[in-house]
Amino acid sequence: RKAFAGFGDTGRGTECSAEEYPVIATGNWGCGVFGGSLPLKAVLQWAAASVGGRDVRYYHFSEPVLAATLRPLVAACLSAGVTVSQLYTAVLAAPPDTLSRPRNGEFFAHLARALGLPDTAE
């Protein structure tokens, strides 16, 4: 909800207008001292931006593995026409242990399997 609140379109002429600001620049929210799961946070922000009708420019900072594994997943989802609802359902079904090891690709591999996509984490 927090990401959607920040990414939602508030209408023309406002500071959060999707028409005037169609791209969201974001990064690893809650993943520093708060210890959040990088892949989970990236997918949730992408989903929220999609619902808000925005494109995402995700800045991974010093996490090149995240960038290298997120891009193929996004491309596969877009190519297959995966909806935000389908993606969110797959996120909810993720085994908790895939979230505790954010750099090994298990979470993205789970999403790919759950969505019937080829494993993009290879």
C-alpha atoms as a PDB file:
ATOM      1  CA  ARG A   1       0.000   0.000   0.000  1.00  0.00           C
ATOM      2  CA  LYS A   2       2.826   2.396   0.769  1.00  0.00           C
ATOM      3  CA  ALA A   3       4.335   2.066  -2.684  1.00  0.00           C
ATOM      4  CA  PHE A   4       0.973   2.507  -4.397  1.00  0.00           C
ATOM      5  CA  ALA A   5       0.272   5.583  -2.272  1.00  0.00           C
ATOM      6  CA  GLY A   6       3.482   7.104  -3.586  1.00  0.00           C
ATOM      7  CA  PHE A   7       3.129   5.866  -7.158  1.00  0.00           C
ATOM      8  CA  GLY A   8      -0.592   6.381  -7.775  1.00  0.00           C
ATOM      9  CA  ASP A   9      -1.873   9.006 -10.178  1.00  0.00           C
ATOM     10  CA  THR A  10      -3.430  11.956  -8.363  1.00  0.00           C
ATOM     11  CA  GLY A  11      -4.636  13.644 -11.522  1.00  0.00           C
ATOM     12  CA  ARG A  12      -3.516  16.211 -14.025  1.00  0.00           C
ATOM     13  CA  GLY A  13      -1.813  19.289 -12.653  1.00  0.00           C
ATOM     14  CA  THR A  14      -0.865  17.688  -9.341  1.00  0.00           C
ATOM     15  CA  GLU A  15       2.593  16.829  -8.062  1.00  0.00           C
ATOM     16  CA  CYS A  16       1.876  13.107  -8.553  1.00  0.00           C
ATOM     17  CA  SER A  17       0.337  13.303 -12.029  1.00  0.00           C
ATOM     18  CA  ALA A  18       1.157  10.197 -14.074  1.00  0.00           C
ATOM     19  CA  GLU A  19       0.689  12.276 -17.219  1.00  0.00           C
ATOM     20  CA  GLU A  20       3.329  14.793 -16.159  1.00  0.00           C
ATOM     21  CA  TYR A  21       5.601  12.316 -14.355  1.00  0.00           C
ATOM     22  CA  PRO A  22       5.158   8.933 -16.083  1.00  0.00           C
ATOM     23  CA  VAL A  23       8.310   7.302 -14.700  1.00  0.00           C
ATOM     24  CA  ILE A  24       9.001   6.431 -11.074  1.00  0.00           C
ATOM     25  CA  ALA A  25      12.639   6.456  -9.952  1.00  0.00           C
ATOM     26  CA  THR A  26      12.984   4.113  -6.999  1.00  0.00           C
ATOM     27  CA  GLY A  27      15.338   1.700  -5.285  1.00  0.00           C
ATOM     28  CA  ASN A  28      15.898  -0.672  -2.407  1.00  0.00           C
ATOM     29  CA  TRP A  29      13.243   0.549   0.055  1.00  0.00           C
ATOM     30  CA  GLY A  30      13.597  -0.935   3.515  1.00  0.00           C
ATOM     31  CA  CYS A  31      16.502  -3.165   2.560  1.00  0.00           C
ATOM     32  CA  GLY A  32      19.327  -1.518   4.491  1.00  0.00           C
ATOM     33  CA  VAL A  33      19.179  -1.486   8.259  1.00  0.00           C
ATOM     34  CA  PHE A  34      15.598  -2.788   8.130  1.00  0.00           C
ATOM     35  CA  GLY A  35      16.782  -5.995   6.432  1.00  0.00           C
ATOM     36  CA  GLY A  36      14.002  -6.261   3.868  1.00  0.00           C
ATOM     37  CA  SER A  37      14.174  -8.701   0.972  1.00  0.00           C
ATOM     38  CA  LEU A  38      15.589  -6.931  -2.081  1.00  0.00           C
ATOM     39  CA  PRO A  39      13.759  -9.053  -4.681  1.00  0.00           C
ATOM     40  CA  LEU A  40      10.453  -8.812  -2.823  1.00  0.00           C
ATOM     41  CA  LYS A  41      10.686  -5.024  -2.460  1.00  0.00           C
ATOM     42  CA  ALA A  42      11.615  -4.629  -6.136  1.00  0.00           C
ATOM     43  CA  VAL A  43       8.649  -6.722  -7.313  1.00  0.00           C
ATOM     44  CA  LEU A  44       6.195  -4.978  -4.978  1.00  0.00           C
ATOM     45  CA  GLN A  45       7.305  -1.549  -6.206  1.00  0.00           C
ATOM     46  CA  TRP A  46       7.059  -2.665  -9.830  1.00  0.00           C
ATOM     47  CA  ALA A  47       3.537  -3.998  -9.201  1.00  0.00           C
ATOM     48  CA  ALA A  48       2.447  -0.805  -7.426  1.00  0.00           C
ATOM     49  CA  ALA A  49       3.835   1.378 -10.196  1.00  0.00           C
ATOM     50  CA  SER A  50       2.045  -0.765 -12.791  1.00  0.00           C
ATOM     51  CA  VAL A  51      -1.271  -0.349 -10.992  1.00  0.00           C
ATOM     52  CA  GLY A  52      -0.589   3.397 -10.903  1.00  0.00           C
ATOM     53  CA  GLY A  53       0.054   3.409 -14.661  1.00  0.00           C
ATOM     54  CA  ARG A  54       3.737   4.242 -14.320  1.00  0.00           C
ATOM     55  CA  ASP A  55       6.989   2.903 -15.665  1.00  0.00           C
ATOM     56  CA  VAL A  56       9.775   2.174 -13.183  1.00  0.00           C
ATOM     57  CA  ARG A  57      13.410   3.142 -13.249  1.00  0.00           C
ATOM     58  CA  TYR A  58      14.794   0.881 -10.516  1.00  0.00           C
ATOM     59  CA  TYR A  59      18.135   1.914  -9.053  1.00  0.00           C
ATOM     60  CA  HIS A  60      19.700  -1.132  -7.477  1.00  0.00           C
ATOM     61  CA  PHE A  61      22.733   0.793  -6.169  1.00  0.00           C
ATOM     62  CA  SER A  62      25.404  -1.763  -5.235  1.00  0.00           C
ATOM     63  CA  GLU A  63      23.282  -4.829  -6.003  1.00  0.00           C
ATOM     64  CA  PRO A  64      24.213  -5.855  -9.561  1.00  0.00           C
ATOM     65  CA  VAL A  65      22.901  -9.401  -9.026  1.00  0.00           C
ATOM     66  CA  LEU A  66      19.440  -7.969  -8.314  1.00  0.00           C
ATOM     67  CA  ALA A  67      19.516  -5.971 -11.541  1.00  0.00           C
ATOM     68  CA  ALA A  68      20.746  -8.930 -13.561  1.00  0.00           C
ATOM     69  CA  THR A  69      17.961 -11.180 -12.267  1.00  0.00           C
ATOM     70  CA  LEU A  70      15.116  -8.642 -12.153  1.00  0.00           C
ATOM     71  CA  ARG A  71      15.366  -7.551 -15.798  1.00  0.00           C
ATOM     72  CA  PRO A  72      14.796 -11.031 -17.299  1.00  0.00           C
ATOM     73  CA  LEU A  73      11.867 -11.663 -14.950  1.00  0.00           C
ATOM     74  CA  VAL A  74      10.227  -8.377 -15.920  1.00  0.00           C
ATOM     75  CA  ALA A  75      10.792  -9.086 -19.625  1.00  0.00           C
ATOM     76  CA  ALA A  76       9.326 -12.594 -19.318  1.00  0.00           C
ATOM     77  CA  CYS A  77       6.285 -11.301 -17.417  1.00  0.00           C
ATOM     78  CA  LEU A  78       5.642  -8.554 -19.961  1.00  0.00           C
ATOM     79  CA  SER A  79       6.087 -10.947 -22.875  1.00  0.00           C
ATOM     80  CA  ALA A  80       3.646 -13.445 -21.351  1.00  0.00           C
ATOM     81  CA  GLY A  81       1.083 -10.774 -20.456  1.00  0.00           C
ATOM     82  CA  VAL A  82       1.252 -11.489 -16.724  1.00  0.00           C
ATOM     83  CA  THR A  83      -1.149  -9.275 -14.779  1.00  0.00           C
ATOM     84  CA  VAL A  84      -0.405  -7.542 -11.489  1.00  0.00           C
ATOM     85  CA  SER A  85      -2.994  -9.795  -9.859  1.00  0.00           C
ATOM     86  CA  GLN A  86      -1.215 -12.921 -11.122  1.00  0.00           C
ATOM     87  CA  LEU A  87       2.141 -11.564  -9.987  1.00  0.00           C
ATOM     88  CA  TYR A  88       0.795 -10.675  -6.549  1.00  0.00           C
ATOM     89  CA  THR A  89      -0.769 -14.125  -6.158  1.00  0.00           C
ATOM     90  CA  ALA A  90       2.613 -15.680  -6.960  1.00  0.00           C
ATOM     91  CA  VAL A  91       4.304 -13.371  -4.435  1.00  0.00           C
ATOM     92  CA  LEU A  92       1.869 -14.444  -1.712  1.00  0.00           C
ATOM     93  CA  ALA A  93       2.587 -18.110  -2.464  1.00  0.00           C
ATOM     94  CA  ALA A  94       6.363 -17.680  -2.142  1.00  0.00           C
ATOM     95  CA  PRO A  95       7.965 -19.984   0.419  1.00  0.00           C
ATOM     96  CA  PRO A  96       9.359 -17.838   3.258  1.00  0.00           C
ATOM     97  CA  ASP A  97      12.861 -19.258   2.846  1.00  0.00           C
ATOM     98  CA  THR A  98      13.076 -17.757  -0.658  1.00  0.00           C
ATOM     99  CA  LEU A  99      12.834 -14.319   0.947  1.00  0.00           C
ATOM    100  CA  SER A 100      15.589 -14.877   3.488  1.00  0.00           C
ATOM    101  CA  ARG A 101      18.274 -15.368   0.838  1.00  0.00           C
ATOM    102  CA  PRO A 102      17.737 -12.344  -1.426  1.00  0.00           C
ATOM    103  CA  ARG A 103      20.853 -12.677  -3.571  1.00  0.00           C
ATOM    104  CA  ASN A 104      20.505 -16.247  -4.794  1.00  0.00           C
ATOM    105  CA  GLY A 105      17.562 -15.884  -7.172  1.00  0.00           C
ATOM    106  CA  GLU A 106      15.257 -18.359  -5.419  1.00  0.00           C
ATOM    107  CA  PHE A 107      12.438 -15.813  -5.104  1.00  0.00           C
ATOM    108  CA  PHE A 108      12.531 -14.891  -8.791  1.00  0.00           C
ATOM    109  CA  ALA A 109      12.770 -18.590  -9.714  1.00  0.00           C
ATOM    110  CA  HIS A 110       9.665 -19.247  -7.595  1.00  0.00           C
ATOM    111  CA  LEU A 111       7.786 -16.435  -9.349  1.00  0.00           C
ATOM    112  CA  ALA A 112       8.779 -17.746 -12.771  1.00  0.00           C
ATOM    113  CA  ARG A 113       7.569 -21.267 -11.897  1.00  0.00           C
ATOM    114  CA  ALA A 114       4.340 -20.010 -10.316  1.00  0.00           C
ATOM    115  CA  LEU A 115       3.594 -17.903 -13.393  1.00  0.00           C
ATOM    116  CA  GLY A 116       4.466 -20.651 -15.875  1.00  0.00           C
ATOM    117  CA  LEU A 117       7.500 -18.765 -17.194  1.00  0.00           C
ATOM    118  CA  PRO A 118      10.938 -20.139 -17.982  1.00  0.00           C
ATOM    119  CA  ASP A 119      13.356 -19.906 -15.051  1.00  0.00           C
ATOM    120  CA  THR A 120      14.872 -16.468 -15.495  1.00  0.00           C
ATOM    121  CA  ALA A 121      17.344 -16.764 -12.612  1.00  0.00           C
ATOM    122  CA  GLU A 122      19.791 -18.991 -14.505  1.00  0.00           C
END
